[in-house]
Amino acid sequence: YQPILDLKTNMVTCCEALLRWRHPDLGMIPPAEFIPVAEEIGMIVPLGEWVLRQACNDAATWPENIRVAVNLSPIQLINQNLLPVVVNALAFSQLSARRLELEITEAVLMQNTDATIATLHRLREFGVRISMDDFGTGYSSLSYLRSFPFDKIKIDRSFISGLPDE
């Protein structure tokens, strides 16, 4: 887990679940290598469900003021079972929905469907926080953000690295 700090208080407010694969022969395999393969072969949904359940279970043992953030693949968001999967993970772990933050990428904005927007709204109504991760790495515009119920937008370093020079 990667801690996220409140810079005013220097206190941990959230921990982001970071999926890593330690292969017995090949060593550490970076997510940039195995996540696309998992998406391609249809394993990202069960893998993502496992990560969500594990993150909720772990976070339930943390202090009440610390949230957990879990990244979602665009494929997971399109999956019609996402809402029940989230509800079940929260119920099983007894983690409050307000302590879960789901992170999506700009790729979701490109698949701006009514079903996707409805799922995001239902998750927020349930109490789950929704974050945009790596904003500025794709082709989206700020106008797209109006369609989505984001609680937080994480701007990618590449989007602002040239400031103020460029």
C-alpha atoms as a PDB file:
ATOM      1  CA  TYR A   1       0.000   0.000   0.000  1.00  0.00           C
ATOM      2  CA  GLN A   2       1.189   3.505  -0.819  1.00  0.00           C
ATOM      3  CA  PRO A   3       0.219   6.032   1.840  1.00  0.00           C
ATOM      4  CA  ILE A   4      -1.401   9.328   0.864  1.00  0.00           C
ATOM      5  CA  LEU A   5      -0.712  12.172   3.274  1.00  0.00           C
ATOM      6  CA  ASP A   6      -2.606  15.308   4.203  1.00  0.00           C
ATOM      7  CA  LEU A   7       0.134  17.898   3.739  1.00  0.00           C
ATOM      8  CA  LYS A   8      -1.384  20.222   6.347  1.00  0.00           C
ATOM      9  CA  THR A   9      -1.310  17.632   9.134  1.00  0.00           C
ATOM     10  CA  ASN A  10       1.301  15.210   7.750  1.00  0.00           C
ATOM     11  CA  MET A  11      -1.132  12.400   8.619  1.00  0.00           C
ATOM     12  CA  VAL A  12      -2.009   9.408   6.439  1.00  0.00           C
ATOM     13  CA  THR A  13      -5.548   9.816   5.086  1.00  0.00           C
ATOM     14  CA  CYS A  14      -5.630   7.008   2.541  1.00  0.00           C
ATOM     15  CA  CYS A  15      -3.555   4.093   1.300  1.00  0.00           C
ATOM     16  CA  GLU A  16      -3.592   3.106  -2.342  1.00  0.00           C
ATOM     17  CA  ALA A  17      -3.506  -0.609  -3.106  1.00  0.00           C
ATOM     18  CA  LEU A  18      -0.645  -1.323  -5.488  1.00  0.00           C
ATOM     19  CA  LEU A  19      -0.755  -4.714  -7.192  1.00  0.00           C
ATOM     20  CA  ARG A  20       2.632  -6.364  -7.638  1.00  0.00           C
ATOM     21  CA  TRP A  21       3.566  -9.803  -8.946  1.00  0.00           C
ATOM     22  CA  ARG A  22       6.559 -11.569  -7.440  1.00  0.00           C
ATOM     23  CA  HIS A  23       7.213 -14.499  -9.782  1.00  0.00           C
ATOM     24  CA  PRO A  24       9.320 -17.313  -8.240  1.00  0.00           C
ATOM     25  CA  ASP A  25      11.678 -17.502 -11.244  1.00  0.00           C
ATOM     26  CA  LEU A  26      11.364 -14.132 -12.976  1.00  0.00           C
ATOM     27  CA  GLY A  27      11.316 -11.942  -9.877  1.00  0.00           C
ATOM     28  CA  MET A  28       9.225  -8.755  -9.776  1.00  0.00           C
ATOM     29  CA  ILE A  29       7.015  -8.281 -12.827  1.00  0.00           C
ATOM     30  CA  PRO A  30       5.755  -4.694 -13.147  1.00  0.00           C
ATOM     31  CA  PRO A  31       2.014  -4.028 -13.451  1.00  0.00           C
ATOM     32  CA  ALA A  32       2.586  -2.380 -16.844  1.00  0.00           C
ATOM     33  CA  GLU A  33       3.512  -5.858 -18.104  1.00  0.00           C
ATOM     34  CA  PHE A  34       0.960  -8.148 -16.449  1.00  0.00           C
ATOM     35  CA  ILE A  35      -2.178  -5.945 -16.249  1.00  0.00           C
ATOM     36  CA  PRO A  36      -2.550  -5.607 -20.074  1.00  0.00           C
ATOM     37  CA  VAL A  37      -2.123  -9.384 -20.388  1.00  0.00           C
ATOM     38  CA  ALA A  38      -4.740  -9.966 -17.678  1.00  0.00           C
ATOM     39  CA  GLU A  39      -7.105  -7.649 -19.576  1.00  0.00           C
ATOM     40  CA  GLU A  40      -6.393  -9.372 -22.887  1.00  0.00           C
ATOM     41  CA  ILE A  41      -7.000 -12.911 -21.622  1.00  0.00           C
ATOM     42  CA  GLY A  42     -10.083 -12.041 -19.583  1.00  0.00           C
ATOM     43  CA  MET A  43      -8.528 -12.380 -16.128  1.00  0.00           C
ATOM     44  CA  ILE A  44      -8.719  -8.718 -15.102  1.00  0.00           C
ATOM     45  CA  VAL A  45     -12.245  -8.997 -13.671  1.00  0.00           C
ATOM     46  CA  PRO A  46     -11.508 -11.871 -11.245  1.00  0.00           C
ATOM     47  CA  LEU A  47      -8.088 -10.371 -10.450  1.00  0.00           C
ATOM     48  CA  GLY A  48      -9.670  -6.978  -9.773  1.00  0.00           C
ATOM     49  CA  GLU A  49     -12.348  -8.572  -7.584  1.00  0.00           C
ATOM     50  CA  TRP A  50      -9.657 -10.292  -5.520  1.00  0.00           C
ATOM     51  CA  VAL A  51      -7.725  -7.013  -5.117  1.00  0.00           C
ATOM     52  CA  LEU A  52     -10.894  -5.191  -4.044  1.00  0.00           C
ATOM     53  CA  ARG A  53     -11.815  -7.856  -1.475  1.00  0.00           C
ATOM     54  CA  GLN A  54      -8.272  -7.999  -0.089  1.00  0.00           C
ATOM     55  CA  ALA A  55      -7.964  -4.207   0.114  1.00  0.00           C
ATOM     56  CA  CYS A  56     -11.315  -3.902   1.918  1.00  0.00           C
ATOM     57  CA  ASN A  57     -10.363  -6.685   4.344  1.00  0.00           C
ATOM     58  CA  ASP A  58      -7.017  -5.057   5.090  1.00  0.00           C
ATOM     59  CA  ALA A  59      -8.477  -1.551   5.446  1.00  0.00           C
ATOM     60  CA  ALA A  60     -11.079  -2.815   7.902  1.00  0.00           C
ATOM     61  CA  THR A  61      -8.195  -3.419  10.349  1.00  0.00           C
ATOM     62  CA  TRP A  62      -6.842   0.141   9.980  1.00  0.00           C
ATOM     63  CA  PRO A  63      -7.865   3.210  11.997  1.00  0.00           C
ATOM     64  CA  GLU A  64     -11.314   4.549  11.037  1.00  0.00           C
ATOM     65  CA  ASN A  65      -9.913   7.769   9.549  1.00  0.00           C
ATOM     66  CA  ILE A  66      -7.850   6.001   6.856  1.00  0.00           C
ATOM     67  CA  ARG A  67      -9.434   5.159   3.495  1.00  0.00           C
ATOM     68  CA  VAL A  68      -8.272   2.633   0.926  1.00  0.00           C
ATOM     69  CA  ALA A  69      -7.998   3.414  -2.808  1.00  0.00           C
ATOM     70  CA  VAL A  70      -8.288   0.674  -5.415  1.00  0.00           C
ATOM     71  CA  ASN A  71      -7.673   1.106  -9.144  1.00  0.00           C
ATOM     72  CA  LEU A  72     -10.270  -0.232 -11.562  1.00  0.00           C
ATOM     73  CA  SER A  73      -9.610  -1.373 -15.093  1.00  0.00           C
ATOM     74  CA  PRO A  74     -12.008   0.090 -17.696  1.00  0.00           C
ATOM     75  CA  ILE A  75     -13.094  -3.520 -18.300  1.00  0.00           C
ATOM     76  CA  GLN A  76     -14.132  -3.842 -14.649  1.00  0.00           C
ATOM     77  CA  LEU A  77     -16.191  -0.684 -14.863  1.00  0.00           C
ATOM     78  CA  ILE A  78     -18.042  -1.926 -17.945  1.00  0.00           C
ATOM     79  CA  ASN A  79     -18.770  -5.226 -16.185  1.00  0.00           C
ATOM     80  CA  GLN A  80     -22.406  -5.268 -15.026  1.00  0.00           C
ATOM     81  CA  ASN A  81     -21.400  -7.026 -11.794  1.00  0.00           C
ATOM     82  CA  LEU A  82     -19.200  -4.212 -10.467  1.00  0.00           C
ATOM     83  CA  LEU A  83     -21.783  -2.737  -8.107  1.00  0.00           C
ATOM     84  CA  PRO A  84     -22.666  -6.077  -6.438  1.00  0.00           C
ATOM     85  CA  VAL A  85     -18.955  -6.963  -6.238  1.00  0.00           C
ATOM     86  CA  VAL A  86     -18.216  -3.692  -4.403  1.00  0.00           C
ATOM     87  CA  VAL A  87     -21.233  -4.067  -2.111  1.00  0.00           C
ATOM     88  CA  ASN A  88     -20.261  -7.666  -1.273  1.00  0.00           C
ATOM     89  CA  ALA A  89     -16.611  -6.756  -0.601  1.00  0.00           C
ATOM     90  CA  LEU A  90     -17.711  -3.994   1.756  1.00  0.00           C
ATOM     91  CA  ALA A  91     -20.275  -6.191   3.503  1.00  0.00           C
ATOM     92  CA  PHE A  92     -17.893  -9.117   3.955  1.00  0.00           C
ATOM     93  CA  SER A  93     -15.093  -6.909   5.305  1.00  0.00           C
ATOM     94  CA  GLN A  94     -17.504  -4.698   7.271  1.00  0.00           C
ATOM     95  CA  LEU A  95     -15.681  -1.669   5.838  1.00  0.00           C
ATOM     96  CA  SER A  96     -17.760   1.479   5.591  1.00  0.00           C
ATOM     97  CA  ALA A  97     -18.391   2.543   1.978  1.00  0.00           C
ATOM     98  CA  ARG A  98     -17.127   6.039   2.820  1.00  0.00           C
ATOM     99  CA  ARG A  99     -13.676   4.501   3.423  1.00  0.00           C
ATOM    100  CA  LEU A 100     -13.410   3.043  -0.100  1.00  0.00           C
ATOM    101  CA  GLU A 101     -12.131   5.092  -3.013  1.00  0.00           C
ATOM    102  CA  LEU A 102     -12.247   3.646  -6.523  1.00  0.00           C
ATOM    103  CA  GLU A 103      -9.789   5.080  -9.034  1.00  0.00           C
ATOM    104  CA  ILE A 104     -10.510   5.105 -12.747  1.00  0.00           C
ATOM    105  CA  THR A 105      -8.415   6.344 -15.652  1.00  0.00           C
ATOM    106  CA  GLU A 106      -9.106   8.572 -18.618  1.00  0.00           C
ATOM    107  CA  ALA A 107      -9.766   5.477 -20.728  1.00  0.00           C
ATOM    108  CA  VAL A 108     -13.147   5.347 -18.983  1.00  0.00           C
ATOM    109  CA  LEU A 109     -13.912   8.843 -20.287  1.00  0.00           C
ATOM    110  CA  MET A 110     -13.397   7.562 -23.814  1.00  0.00           C
ATOM    111  CA  GLN A 111     -16.065   4.921 -23.131  1.00  0.00           C
ATOM    112  CA  ASN A 112     -18.488   7.558 -21.885  1.00  0.00           C
ATOM    113  CA  THR A 113     -21.590   5.413 -21.903  1.00  0.00           C
ATOM    114  CA  ASP A 114     -24.799   5.961 -20.005  1.00  0.00           C
ATOM    115  CA  ALA A 115     -24.250   2.644 -18.214  1.00  0.00           C
ATOM    116  CA  THR A 116     -20.780   3.709 -17.043  1.00  0.00           C
ATOM    117  CA  ILE A 117     -22.062   7.048 -15.765  1.00  0.00           C
ATOM    118  CA  ALA A 118     -24.983   5.325 -14.041  1.00  0.00           C
ATOM    119  CA  THR A 119     -22.635   2.850 -12.334  1.00  0.00           C
ATOM    120  CA  LEU A 120     -20.406   5.671 -11.078  1.00  0.00           C
ATOM    121  CA  HIS A 121     -23.429   7.538  -9.728  1.00  0.00           C
ATOM    122  CA  ARG A 122     -24.769   4.391  -7.998  1.00  0.00           C
ATOM    123  CA  LEU A 123     -21.396   3.777  -6.371  1.00  0.00           C
ATOM    124  CA  ARG A 124     -21.298   7.365  -5.100  1.00  0.00           C
ATOM    125  CA  GLU A 125     -24.878   7.121  -3.822  1.00  0.00           C
ATOM    126  CA  PHE A 126     -23.778   4.038  -1.907  1.00  0.00           C
ATOM    127  CA  GLY A 127     -21.048   6.161  -0.286  1.00  0.00           C
ATOM    128  CA  VAL A 128     -17.986   5.090  -2.277  1.00  0.00           C
ATOM    129  CA  ARG A 129     -15.614   7.865  -3.379  1.00  0.00           C
ATOM    130  CA  ILE A 130     -14.658   8.042  -7.078  1.00  0.00           C
ATOM    131  CA  SER A 131     -11.272   9.380  -8.225  1.00  0.00           C
ATOM    132  CA  MET A 132      -9.854  10.148 -11.651  1.00  0.00           C
ATOM    133  CA  ASP A 133      -6.315   8.748 -11.786  1.00  0.00           C
ATOM    134  CA  ASP A 134      -3.569   9.977 -14.137  1.00  0.00           C
ATOM    135  CA  PHE A 135      -5.607  12.816 -15.631  1.00  0.00           C
ATOM    136  CA  GLY A 136      -3.711  14.405 -18.504  1.00  0.00           C
ATOM    137  CA  THR A 137      -2.208  11.243 -19.990  1.00  0.00           C
ATOM    138  CA  GLY A 138      -4.925  10.694 -22.601  1.00  0.00           C
ATOM    139  CA  TYR A 139      -7.048  12.746 -24.935  1.00  0.00           C
ATOM    140  CA  SER A 140      -9.836  13.835 -22.635  1.00  0.00           C
ATOM    141  CA  SER A 141     -10.860  17.405 -22.069  1.00  0.00           C
ATOM    142  CA  LEU A 142     -12.016  19.144 -18.944  1.00  0.00           C
ATOM    143  CA  SER A 143     -15.566  19.187 -20.331  1.00  0.00           C
ATOM    144  CA  TYR A 144     -15.731  15.383 -19.959  1.00  0.00           C
ATOM    145  CA  LEU A 145     -15.234  15.725 -16.220  1.00  0.00           C
ATOM    146  CA  ARG A 146     -18.673  17.304 -15.845  1.00  0.00           C
ATOM    147  CA  SER A 147     -20.319  13.980 -16.690  1.00  0.00           C
ATOM    148  CA  PHE A 148     -18.650  12.068 -13.885  1.00  0.00           C
ATOM    149  CA  PRO A 149     -19.105  12.295 -10.114  1.00  0.00           C
ATOM    150  CA  PHE A 150     -15.442  12.585  -9.143  1.00  0.00           C
ATOM    151  CA  ASP A 151     -14.445  13.244  -5.556  1.00  0.00           C
ATOM    152  CA  LYS A 152     -10.801  13.687  -6.521  1.00  0.00           C
ATOM    153  CA  ILE A 153      -8.762  14.198  -9.673  1.00  0.00           C
ATOM    154  CA  LYS A 154      -5.143  13.042  -9.631  1.00  0.00           C
ATOM    155  CA  ILE A 155      -3.268  14.987 -12.301  1.00  0.00           C
ATOM    156  CA  ASP A 156      -0.476  13.038 -13.954  1.00  0.00           C
ATOM    157  CA  ARG A 157       3.035  14.420 -13.544  1.00  0.00           C
ATOM    158  CA  SER A 158       3.540  14.509 -17.332  1.00  0.00           C
ATOM    159  CA  PHE A 159       0.608  16.935 -17.655  1.00  0.00           C
ATOM    160  CA  ILE A 160       2.258  19.587 -15.497  1.00  0.00           C
ATOM    161  CA  SER A 161       5.987  18.799 -15.754  1.00  0.00           C
ATOM    162  CA  GLY A 162       6.590  21.630 -18.242  1.00  0.00           C
ATOM    163  CA  LEU A 163       4.990  24.278 -16.073  1.00  0.00           C
ATOM    164  CA  PRO A 164       5.707  27.154 -15.764  1.00  0.00           C
ATOM    165  CA  ASP A 165       8.221  27.103 -18.643  1.00  0.00           C
ATOM    166  CA  GLU A 166       5.812  25.916 -21.365  1.00  0.00           C
END
